[in-house]
Amino acid sequence: VVVAVPLYWTLITSFKAQNRYYASNPLVPSGDPTLE
């Protein structure tokens, strides 16, 4: 869990928009992922 959670958080956060990063749950994937 200690190893997998940071990897999971890194991957899902890379698909989030910058303006919605602080307003969303950090461990929940974005509803509208982006490649921006």
PDB file of all heavy atoms in Angstrom:
ATOM      1  N   VAL A   1       0.829  -1.202   0.000  1.00  0.00           N
ATOM      2  CA  VAL A   1       0.000   0.000   0.000  1.00  0.00           C
ATOM      3  C   VAL A   1       0.866   1.255   0.000  1.00  0.00           C
ATOM      4  O   VAL A   1       0.596   2.222  -0.730  1.00  0.00           O
ATOM      5  CB  VAL A   1      -0.947  -0.020   1.212  1.00  0.00           C
ATOM      6  CG1 VAL A   1      -1.690   1.311   1.340  1.00  0.00           C
ATOM      7  CG2 VAL A   1      -1.956  -1.162   1.084  1.00  0.00           C
ATOM      8  N   VAL A   2       1.938   1.219   0.795  1.00  0.00           N
ATOM      9  CA  VAL A   2       2.827   2.386   0.872  1.00  0.00           C
ATOM     10  C   VAL A   2       3.457   2.682  -0.484  1.00  0.00           C
ATOM     11  O   VAL A   2       3.637   3.844  -0.876  1.00  0.00           O
ATOM     12  CB  VAL A   2       3.910   2.156   1.948  1.00  0.00           C
ATOM     13  CG1 VAL A   2       4.988   3.225   1.885  1.00  0.00           C
ATOM     14  CG2 VAL A   2       3.276   2.125   3.327  1.00  0.00           C
ATOM     15  N   VAL A   3       3.782   1.632  -1.241  1.00  0.00           N
ATOM     16  CA  VAL A   3       4.412   1.824  -2.554  1.00  0.00           C
ATOM     17  C   VAL A   3       3.381   2.136  -3.626  1.00  0.00           C
ATOM     18  O   VAL A   3       3.613   2.974  -4.506  1.00  0.00           O
ATOM     19  CB  VAL A   3       5.233   0.566  -2.931  1.00  0.00           C
ATOM     20  CG1 VAL A   3       5.773   0.679  -4.345  1.00  0.00           C
ATOM     21  CG2 VAL A   3       6.376   0.372  -1.944  1.00  0.00           C
ATOM     22  N   ALA A   4       2.225   1.482  -3.584  1.00  0.00           N
ATOM     23  CA  ALA A   4       1.258   1.591  -4.670  1.00  0.00           C
ATOM     24  C   ALA A   4       0.481   2.903  -4.628  1.00  0.00           C
ATOM     25  O   ALA A   4       0.145   3.456  -5.686  1.00  0.00           O
ATOM     26  CB  ALA A   4       0.285   0.414  -4.621  1.00  0.00           C
ATOM     27  N   VAL A   5       0.179   3.421  -3.428  1.00  0.00           N
ATOM     28  CA  VAL A   5      -0.638   4.638  -3.337  1.00  0.00           C
ATOM     29  C   VAL A   5       0.052   5.837  -3.981  1.00  0.00           C
ATOM     30  O   VAL A   5      -0.573   6.572  -4.769  1.00  0.00           O
ATOM     31  CB  VAL A   5      -1.015   4.920  -1.866  1.00  0.00           C
ATOM     32  CG1 VAL A   5      -1.634   6.309  -1.724  1.00  0.00           C
ATOM     33  CG2 VAL A   5      -2.004   3.873  -1.370  1.00  0.00           C
ATOM     34  N   PRO A   6       1.348   6.114  -3.739  1.00  0.00           N
ATOM     35  CA  PRO A   6       1.976   7.241  -4.448  1.00  0.00           C
ATOM     36  C   PRO A   6       2.011   7.061  -5.964  1.00  0.00           C
ATOM     37  O   PRO A   6       1.839   8.044  -6.709  1.00  0.00           O
ATOM     38  CB  PRO A   6       3.391   7.278  -3.854  1.00  0.00           C
ATOM     39  CG  PRO A   6       3.272   6.629  -2.536  1.00  0.00           C
ATOM     40  CD  PRO A   6       2.251   5.561  -2.714  1.00  0.00           C
ATOM     41  N   LEU A   7       2.234   5.820  -6.430  1.00  0.00           N
ATOM     42  CA  LEU A   7       2.220   5.591  -7.880  1.00  0.00           C
ATOM     43  C   LEU A   7       0.832   5.841  -8.460  1.00  0.00           C
ATOM     44  O   LEU A   7       0.696   6.453  -9.531  1.00  0.00           O
ATOM     45  CB  LEU A   7       2.667   4.156  -8.171  1.00  0.00           C
ATOM     46  CG  LEU A   7       4.104   3.794  -7.759  1.00  0.00           C
ATOM     47  CD1 LEU A   7       4.385   2.329  -8.064  1.00  0.00           C
ATOM     48  CD2 LEU A   7       5.103   4.681  -8.469  1.00  0.00           C
ATOM     49  N   TYR A   8      -0.181   5.369  -7.763  1.00  0.00           N
ATOM     50  CA  TYR A   8      -1.565   5.595  -8.203  1.00  0.00           C
ATOM     51  C   TYR A   8      -1.894   7.080  -8.218  1.00  0.00           C
ATOM     52  O   TYR A   8      -2.487   7.600  -9.176  1.00  0.00           O
ATOM     53  CB  TYR A   8      -2.509   4.822  -7.287  1.00  0.00           C
ATOM     54  CG  TYR A   8      -3.961   5.191  -7.426  1.00  0.00           C
ATOM     55  CD1 TYR A   8      -4.719   4.744  -8.515  1.00  0.00           C
ATOM     56  CD2 TYR A   8      -4.582   5.994  -6.462  1.00  0.00           C
ATOM     57  CE1 TYR A   8      -6.056   5.093  -8.638  1.00  0.00           C
ATOM     58  CE2 TYR A   8      -5.910   6.338  -6.586  1.00  0.00           C
ATOM     59  CZ  TYR A   8      -6.647   5.889  -7.669  1.00  0.00           C
ATOM     60  OH  TYR A   8      -7.979   6.237  -7.795  1.00  0.00           O
ATOM     61  N   TRP A   9      -1.482   7.798  -7.163  1.00  0.00           N
ATOM     62  CA  TRP A   9      -1.761   9.234  -7.095  1.00  0.00           C
ATOM     63  C   TRP A   9      -1.019   9.995  -8.198  1.00  0.00           C
ATOM     64  O   TRP A   9      -1.563  10.918  -8.802  1.00  0.00           O
ATOM     65  CB  TRP A   9      -1.346   9.758  -5.724  1.00  0.00           C
ATOM     66  CG  TRP A   9      -1.440  11.244  -5.598  1.00  0.00           C
ATOM     67  CD1 TRP A   9      -2.570  11.995  -5.445  1.00  0.00           C
ATOM     68  CD2 TRP A   9      -0.341  12.170  -5.650  1.00  0.00           C
ATOM     69  NE1 TRP A   9      -2.251  13.326  -5.387  1.00  0.00           N
ATOM     70  CE2 TRP A   9      -0.891  13.460  -5.505  1.00  0.00           C
ATOM     71  CE3 TRP A   9       1.027  12.028  -5.789  1.00  0.00           C
ATOM     72  CZ2 TRP A   9      -0.101  14.603  -5.501  1.00  0.00           C
ATOM     73  CZ3 TRP A   9       1.810  13.160  -5.782  1.00  0.00           C
ATOM     74  CH2 TRP A   9       1.242  14.437  -5.636  1.00  0.00           C
ATOM     75  N   THR A  10       0.209   9.606  -8.473  1.00  0.00           N
ATOM     76  CA  THR A  10       0.967  10.268  -9.540  1.00  0.00           C
ATOM     77  C   THR A  10       0.306  10.082 -10.892  1.00  0.00           C
ATOM     78  O   THR A  10       0.203  11.026 -11.693  1.00  0.00           O
ATOM     79  CB  THR A  10       2.402   9.715  -9.566  1.00  0.00           C
ATOM     80  OG1 THR A  10       3.027   9.944  -8.306  1.00  0.00           O
ATOM     81  CG2 THR A  10       3.214  10.376 -10.668  1.00  0.00           C
ATOM     82  N   LEU A  11      -0.160   8.877 -11.162  1.00  0.00           N
ATOM     83  CA  LEU A  11      -0.747   8.592 -12.468  1.00  0.00           C
ATOM     84  C   LEU A  11      -2.065   9.319 -12.667  1.00  0.00           C
ATOM     85  O   LEU A  11      -2.295   9.926 -13.721  1.00  0.00           O
ATOM     86  CB  LEU A  11      -0.941   7.083 -12.623  1.00  0.00           C
ATOM     87  CG  LEU A  11      -1.424   6.594 -13.987  1.00  0.00           C
ATOM     88  CD1 LEU A  11      -0.414   6.970 -15.069  1.00  0.00           C
ATOM     89  CD2 LEU A  11      -1.645   5.083 -13.969  1.00  0.00           C
ATOM     90  N   ILE A  12      -2.955   9.278 -11.680  1.00  0.00           N
ATOM     91  CA  ILE A  12      -4.272   9.913 -11.871  1.00  0.00           C
ATOM     92  C   ILE A  12      -4.160  11.435 -11.836  1.00  0.00           C
ATOM     93  O   ILE A  12      -4.928  12.136 -12.519  1.00  0.00           O
ATOM     94  CB  ILE A  12      -5.269   9.428 -10.809  1.00  0.00           C
ATOM     95  CG1 ILE A  12      -4.841   9.869  -9.404  1.00  0.00           C
ATOM     96  CG2 ILE A  12      -5.446   7.928 -10.879  1.00  0.00           C
ATOM     97  CD1 ILE A  12      -5.871   9.574  -8.336  1.00  0.00           C
ATOM     98  N   THR A  13      -3.198  11.969 -11.093  1.00  0.00           N
ATOM     99  CA  THR A  13      -3.062  13.425 -11.034  1.00  0.00           C
ATOM    100  C   THR A  13      -2.501  13.980 -12.330  1.00  0.00           C
ATOM    101  O   THR A  13      -2.804  15.126 -12.699  1.00  0.00           O
ATOM    102  CB  THR A  13      -2.152  13.815  -9.851  1.00  0.00           C
ATOM    103  OG1 THR A  13      -2.657  13.223  -8.651  1.00  0.00           O
ATOM    104  CG2 THR A  13      -2.112  15.313  -9.667  1.00  0.00           C
ATOM    105  N   SER A  14      -1.698  13.190 -13.040  1.00  0.00           N
ATOM    106  CA  SER A  14      -1.132  13.684 -14.301  1.00  0.00           C
ATOM    107  C   SER A  14      -2.202  13.903 -15.366  1.00  0.00           C
ATOM    108  O   SER A  14      -1.943  14.594 -16.350  1.00  0.00           O
ATOM    109  CB  SER A  14      -0.077  12.703 -14.814  1.00  0.00           C
ATOM    110  OG  SER A  14      -0.664  11.442 -15.127  1.00  0.00           O
ATOM    111  N   PHE A  15      -3.378  13.327 -15.175  1.00  0.00           N
ATOM    112  CA  PHE A  15      -4.483  13.508 -16.138  1.00  0.00           C
ATOM    113  C   PHE A  15      -5.499  14.541 -15.668  1.00  0.00           C
ATOM    114  O   PHE A  15      -6.546  14.690 -16.292  1.00  0.00           O
ATOM    115  CB  PHE A  15      -5.196  12.173 -16.390  1.00  0.00           C
ATOM    116  CG  PHE A  15      -4.363  11.166 -17.118  1.00  0.00           C
ATOM    117  CD1 PHE A  15      -3.714  10.158 -16.427  1.00  0.00           C
ATOM    118  CD2 PHE A  15      -4.204  11.238 -18.495  1.00  0.00           C
ATOM    119  CE1 PHE A  15      -2.949   9.226 -17.091  1.00  0.00           C
ATOM    120  CE2 PHE A  15      -3.435  10.307 -19.170  1.00  0.00           C
ATOM    121  CZ  PHE A  15      -2.795   9.306 -18.472  1.00  0.00           C
ATOM    122  N   LYS A  16      -5.231  15.233 -14.565  1.00  0.00           N
ATOM    123  CA  LYS A  16      -6.148  16.262 -14.070  1.00  0.00           C
ATOM    124  C   LYS A  16      -5.745  17.633 -14.582  1.00  0.00           C
ATOM    125  O   LYS A  16      -4.557  17.906 -14.805  1.00  0.00           O
ATOM    126  CB  LYS A  16      -6.155  16.273 -12.534  1.00  0.00           C
ATOM    127  CG  LYS A  16      -6.772  15.038 -11.890  1.00  0.00           C
ATOM    128  CD  LYS A  16      -6.785  15.176 -10.381  1.00  0.00           C
ATOM    129  CE  LYS A  16      -7.419  13.952  -9.739  1.00  0.00           C
ATOM    130  NZ  LYS A  16      -7.450  14.062  -8.255  1.00  0.00           N
ATOM    131  N   ALA A  17      -6.738  18.505 -14.731  1.00  0.00           N
ATOM    132  CA  ALA A  17      -6.449  19.880 -15.113  1.00  0.00           C
ATOM    133  C   ALA A  17      -5.906  20.645 -13.920  1.00  0.00           C
ATOM    134  O   ALA A  17      -6.241  20.353 -12.764  1.00  0.00           O
ATOM    135  CB  ALA A  17      -7.713  20.555 -15.640  1.00  0.00           C
ATOM    136  N   GLN A  18      -5.080  21.658 -14.178  1.00  0.00           N
ATOM    137  CA  GLN A  18      -4.448  22.380 -13.090  1.00  0.00           C
ATOM    138  C   GLN A  18      -5.453  23.158 -12.253  1.00  0.00           C
ATOM    139  O   GLN A  18      -5.337  23.226 -11.030  1.00  0.00           O
ATOM    140  CB  GLN A  18      -3.399  23.339 -13.643  1.00  0.00           C
ATOM    141  CG  GLN A  18      -2.630  24.103 -12.566  1.00  0.00           C
ATOM    142  CD  GLN A  18      -1.638  25.086 -13.142  1.00  0.00           C
ATOM    143  OE1 GLN A  18      -1.609  25.305 -14.351  1.00  0.00           O
ATOM    144  NE2 GLN A  18      -0.834  25.692 -12.293  1.00  0.00           N
ATOM    145  N   ASN A  19      -6.485  23.728 -12.894  1.00  0.00           N
ATOM    146  CA  ASN A  19      -7.450  24.517 -12.144  1.00  0.00           C
ATOM    147  C   ASN A  19      -8.384  23.669 -11.281  1.00  0.00           C
ATOM    148  O   ASN A  19      -9.073  24.184 -10.412  1.00  0.00           O
ATOM    149  CB  ASN A  19      -8.279  25.381 -13.094  1.00  0.00           C
ATOM    150  CG  ASN A  19      -8.925  24.552 -14.188  1.00  0.00           C
ATOM    151  OD1 ASN A  19      -8.778  23.323 -14.234  1.00  0.00           O
ATOM    152  ND2 ASN A  19      -9.636  25.212 -15.098  1.00  0.00           N
ATOM    153  N   ARG A  20      -8.418  22.357 -11.523  1.00  0.00           N
ATOM    154  CA  ARG A  20      -9.272  21.476 -10.724  1.00  0.00           C
ATOM    155  C   ARG A  20      -8.482  20.585  -9.769  1.00  0.00           C
ATOM    156  O   ARG A  20      -9.063  19.741  -9.099  1.00  0.00           O
ATOM    157  CB  ARG A  20     -10.100  20.580 -11.647  1.00  0.00           C
ATOM    158  CG  ARG A  20     -11.055  21.351 -12.549  1.00  0.00           C
ATOM    159  CD  ARG A  20     -11.883  20.399 -13.392  1.00  0.00           C
ATOM    160  NE  ARG A  20     -12.786  21.133 -14.275  1.00  0.00           N
ATOM    161  CZ  ARG A  20     -13.633  20.548 -15.123  1.00  0.00           C
ATOM    162  NH1 ARG A  20     -13.671  19.215 -15.183  1.00  0.00           N
ATOM    163  NH2 ARG A  20     -14.412  21.282 -15.891  1.00  0.00           N
ATOM    164  N   TYR A  21      -7.190  20.788  -9.714  1.00  0.00           N
ATOM    165  CA  TYR A  21      -6.371  19.897  -8.891  1.00  0.00           C
ATOM    166  C   TYR A  21      -6.660  20.098  -7.404  1.00  0.00           C
ATOM    167  O   TYR A  21      -6.877  19.135  -6.660  1.00  0.00           O
ATOM    168  CB  TYR A  21      -4.889  20.135  -9.188  1.00  0.00           C
ATOM    169  CG  TYR A  21      -3.959  19.482  -8.204  1.00  0.00           C
ATOM    170  CD1 TYR A  21      -3.829  18.096  -8.146  1.00  0.00           C
ATOM    171  CD2 TYR A  21      -3.213  20.255  -7.301  1.00  0.00           C
ATOM    172  CE1 TYR A  21      -2.988  17.495  -7.222  1.00  0.00           C
ATOM    173  CE2 TYR A  21      -2.369  19.658  -6.390  1.00  0.00           C
ATOM    174  CZ  TYR A  21      -2.256  18.281  -6.349  1.00  0.00           C
ATOM    175  OH  TYR A  21      -1.436  17.693  -5.434  1.00  0.00           O
ATOM    176  N   TYR A  22      -6.685  21.351  -6.943  1.00  0.00           N
ATOM    177  CA  TYR A  22      -6.877  21.615  -5.519  1.00  0.00           C
ATOM    178  C   TYR A  22      -8.338  21.506  -5.091  1.00  0.00           C
ATOM    179  O   TYR A  22      -8.620  21.424  -3.901  1.00  0.00           O
ATOM    180  CB  TYR A  22      -6.353  23.012  -5.172  1.00  0.00           C
ATOM    181  CG  TYR A  22      -4.858  23.130  -5.315  1.00  0.00           C
ATOM    182  CD1 TYR A  22      -4.302  23.721  -6.442  1.00  0.00           C
ATOM    183  CD2 TYR A  22      -3.999  22.648  -4.341  1.00  0.00           C
ATOM    184  CE1 TYR A  22      -2.922  23.840  -6.588  1.00  0.00           C
ATOM    185  CE2 TYR A  22      -2.621  22.752  -4.475  1.00  0.00           C
ATOM    186  CZ  TYR A  22      -2.097  23.356  -5.595  1.00  0.00           C
ATOM    187  OH  TYR A  22      -0.735  23.453  -5.735  1.00  0.00           O
ATOM    188  N   ALA A  23      -9.260  21.505  -6.047  1.00  0.00           N
ATOM    189  CA  ALA A  23     -10.680  21.442  -5.698  1.00  0.00           C
ATOM    190  C   ALA A  23     -11.230  20.031  -5.697  1.00  0.00           C
ATOM    191  O   ALA A  23     -12.407  19.834  -5.388  1.00  0.00           O
ATOM    192  CB  ALA A  23     -11.494  22.308  -6.673  1.00  0.00           C
ATOM    193  N   SER A  24     -10.425  19.027  -6.034  1.00  0.00           N
ATOM    194  CA  SER A  24     -10.903  17.651  -6.130  1.00  0.00           C
ATOM    195  C   SER A  24     -10.196  16.780  -5.102  1.00  0.00           C
ATOM    196  O   SER A  24      -9.163  17.154  -4.530  1.00  0.00           O
ATOM    197  CB  SER A  24     -10.659  17.091  -7.533  1.00  0.00           C
ATOM    198  OG  SER A  24      -9.276  17.089  -7.839  1.00  0.00           O
ATOM    199  N   ASN A  25     -10.780  15.619  -4.885  1.00  0.00           N
ATOM    200  CA  ASN A  25     -10.173  14.641  -3.978  1.00  0.00           C
ATOM    201  C   ASN A  25      -8.894  14.106  -4.614  1.00  0.00           C
ATOM    202  O   ASN A  25      -8.921  13.642  -5.758  1.00  0.00           O
ATOM    203  CB  ASN A  25     -11.151  13.507  -3.712  1.00  0.00           C
ATOM    204  CG  ASN A  25     -10.697  12.590  -2.591  1.00  0.00           C
ATOM    205  OD1 ASN A  25      -9.514  12.532  -2.256  1.00  0.00           O
ATOM    206  ND2 ASN A  25     -11.625  11.875  -2.000  1.00  0.00           N
ATOM    207  N   PRO A  26      -7.766  14.137  -3.918  1.00  0.00           N
ATOM    208  CA  PRO A  26      -6.513  13.724  -4.564  1.00  0.00           C
ATOM    209  C   PRO A  26      -6.469  12.251  -4.934  1.00  0.00           C
ATOM    210  O   PRO A  26      -5.672  11.867  -5.803  1.00  0.00           O
ATOM    211  CB  PRO A  26      -5.454  14.072  -3.516  1.00  0.00           C
ATOM    212  CG  PRO A  26      -6.177  14.141  -2.226  1.00  0.00           C
ATOM    213  CD  PRO A  26      -7.552  14.628  -2.551  1.00  0.00           C
ATOM    214  N   LEU A  27      -7.274  11.399  -4.312  1.00  0.00           N
ATOM    215  CA  LEU A  27      -7.238   9.967  -4.585  1.00  0.00           C
ATOM    216  C   LEU A  27      -8.372   9.513  -5.489  1.00  0.00           C
ATOM    217  O   LEU A  27      -8.516   8.310  -5.726  1.00  0.00           O
ATOM    218  CB  LEU A  27      -7.288   9.178  -3.274  1.00  0.00           C
ATOM    219  CG  LEU A  27      -6.095   9.369  -2.333  1.00  0.00           C
ATOM    220  CD1 LEU A  27      -6.265   8.541  -1.071  1.00  0.00           C
ATOM    221  CD2 LEU A  27      -4.785   9.021  -3.025  1.00  0.00           C
ATOM    222  N   VAL A  28      -9.163  10.434  -6.006  1.00  0.00           N
ATOM    223  CA  VAL A  28     -10.271  10.096  -6.904  1.00  0.00           C
ATOM    224  C   VAL A  28      -9.882  10.524  -8.311  1.00  0.00           C
ATOM    225  O   VAL A  28      -9.486  11.682  -8.521  1.00  0.00           O
ATOM    226  CB  VAL A  28     -11.570  10.776  -6.459  1.00  0.00           C
ATOM    227  CG1 VAL A  28     -12.687  10.488  -7.460  1.00  0.00           C
ATOM    228  CG2 VAL A  28     -11.964  10.292  -5.069  1.00  0.00           C
ATOM    229  N   PRO A  29      -9.974   9.638  -9.306  1.00  0.00           N
ATOM    230  CA  PRO A  29      -9.640  10.043 -10.680  1.00  0.00           C
ATOM    231  C   PRO A  29     -10.564  11.140 -11.191  1.00  0.00           C
ATOM    232  O   PRO A  29     -11.706  11.289 -10.738  1.00  0.00           O
ATOM    233  CB  PRO A  29      -9.806   8.738 -11.484  1.00  0.00           C
ATOM    234  CG  PRO A  29      -9.733   7.647 -10.474  1.00  0.00           C
ATOM    235  CD  PRO A  29     -10.298   8.212  -9.208  1.00  0.00           C
ATOM    236  N   SER A  30     -10.055  11.904 -12.113  1.00  0.00           N
ATOM    237  CA  SER A  30     -10.829  13.005 -12.679  1.00  0.00           C
ATOM    238  C   SER A  30     -11.957  12.474 -13.554  1.00  0.00           C
ATOM    239  O   SER A  30     -11.800  11.482 -14.269  1.00  0.00           O
ATOM    240  CB  SER A  30      -9.918  13.922 -13.497  1.00  0.00           C
ATOM    241  OG  SER A  30     -10.660  14.942 -14.119  1.00  0.00           O
ATOM    242  N   GLY A  31     -13.096  13.163 -13.472  1.00  0.00           N
ATOM    243  CA  GLY A  31     -14.230  12.757 -14.307  1.00  0.00           C
ATOM    244  C   GLY A  31     -14.007  13.058 -15.771  1.00  0.00           C
ATOM    245  O   GLY A  31     -14.551  12.368 -16.639  1.00  0.00           O
ATOM    246  N   ASP A  32     -13.243  14.088 -16.073  1.00  0.00           N
ATOM    247  CA  ASP A  32     -12.903  14.423 -17.459  1.00  0.00           C
ATOM    248  C   ASP A  32     -11.388  14.504 -17.598  1.00  0.00           C
ATOM    249  O   ASP A  32     -10.806  15.594 -17.525  1.00  0.00           O
ATOM    250  CB  ASP A  32     -13.563  15.740 -17.883  1.00  0.00           C
ATOM    251  CG  ASP A  32     -13.306  16.839 -16.864  1.00  0.00           C
ATOM    252  OD1 ASP A  32     -12.834  16.525 -15.747  1.00  0.00           O
ATOM    253  OD2 ASP A  32     -13.555  18.025 -17.188  1.00  0.00           O
ATOM    254  N   PRO A  33     -10.706  13.367 -17.735  1.00  0.00           N
ATOM    255  CA  PRO A  33      -9.239  13.391 -17.853  1.00  0.00           C
ATOM    256  C   PRO A  33      -8.792  14.141 -19.098  1.00  0.00           C
ATOM    257  O   PRO A  33      -9.486  14.166 -20.124  1.00  0.00           O
ATOM    258  CB  PRO A  33      -8.869  11.909 -17.913  1.00  0.00           C
ATOM    259  CG  PRO A  33     -10.098  11.223 -18.387  1.00  0.00           C
ATOM    260  CD  PRO A  33     -11.254  12.013 -17.862  1.00  0.00           C
ATOM    261  N   THR A  34      -7.626  14.738 -19.011  1.00  0.00           N
ATOM    262  CA  THR A  34      -7.086  15.524 -20.110  1.00  0.00           C
ATOM    263  C   THR A  34      -5.620  15.179 -20.331  1.00  0.00           C
ATOM    264  O   THR A  34      -4.918  14.766 -19.396  1.00  0.00           O
ATOM    265  CB  THR A  34      -7.224  17.024 -19.814  1.00  0.00           C
ATOM    266  OG1 THR A  34      -6.637  17.776 -20.872  1.00  0.00           O
ATOM    267  CG2 THR A  34      -6.532  17.388 -18.510  1.00  0.00           C
ATOM    268  N   LEU A  35      -5.174  15.343 -21.550  1.00  0.00           N
ATOM    269  CA  LEU A  35      -3.776  15.148 -21.918  1.00  0.00           C
ATOM    270  C   LEU A  35      -3.031  16.468 -22.059  1.00  0.00           C
ATOM    271  O   LEU A  35      -1.936  16.514 -22.632  1.00  0.00           O
ATOM    272  CB  LEU A  35      -3.679  14.363 -23.226  1.00  0.00           C
ATOM    273  CG  LEU A  35      -4.213  12.927 -23.208  1.00  0.00           C
ATOM    274  CD1 LEU A  35      -4.150  12.318 -24.603  1.00  0.00           C
ATOM    275  CD2 LEU A  35      -3.423  12.071 -22.230  1.00  0.00           C
ATOM    276  N   GLU A  36      -3.623  17.540 -21.527  1.00  0.00           N
ATOM    277  CA  GLU A  36      -3.016  18.859 -21.650  1.00  0.00           C
ATOM    278  C   GLU A  36      -1.669  18.923 -20.932  1.00  0.00           C
ATOM    279  O   GLU A  36      -0.733  19.583 -21.402  1.00  0.00           O
ATOM    280  CB  GLU A  36      -3.964  19.909 -21.073  1.00  0.00           C
ATOM    281  CG  GLU A  36      -3.481  21.351 -21.220  1.00  0.00           C
ATOM    282  CD  GLU A  36      -3.397  21.805 -22.674  1.00  0.00           C
ATOM    283  OE1 GLU A  36      -4.090  21.207 -23.526  1.00  0.00           O
ATOM    284  OE2 GLU A  36      -2.635  22.755 -22.942  1.00  0.00           O
TER     285      GLU A  36
END
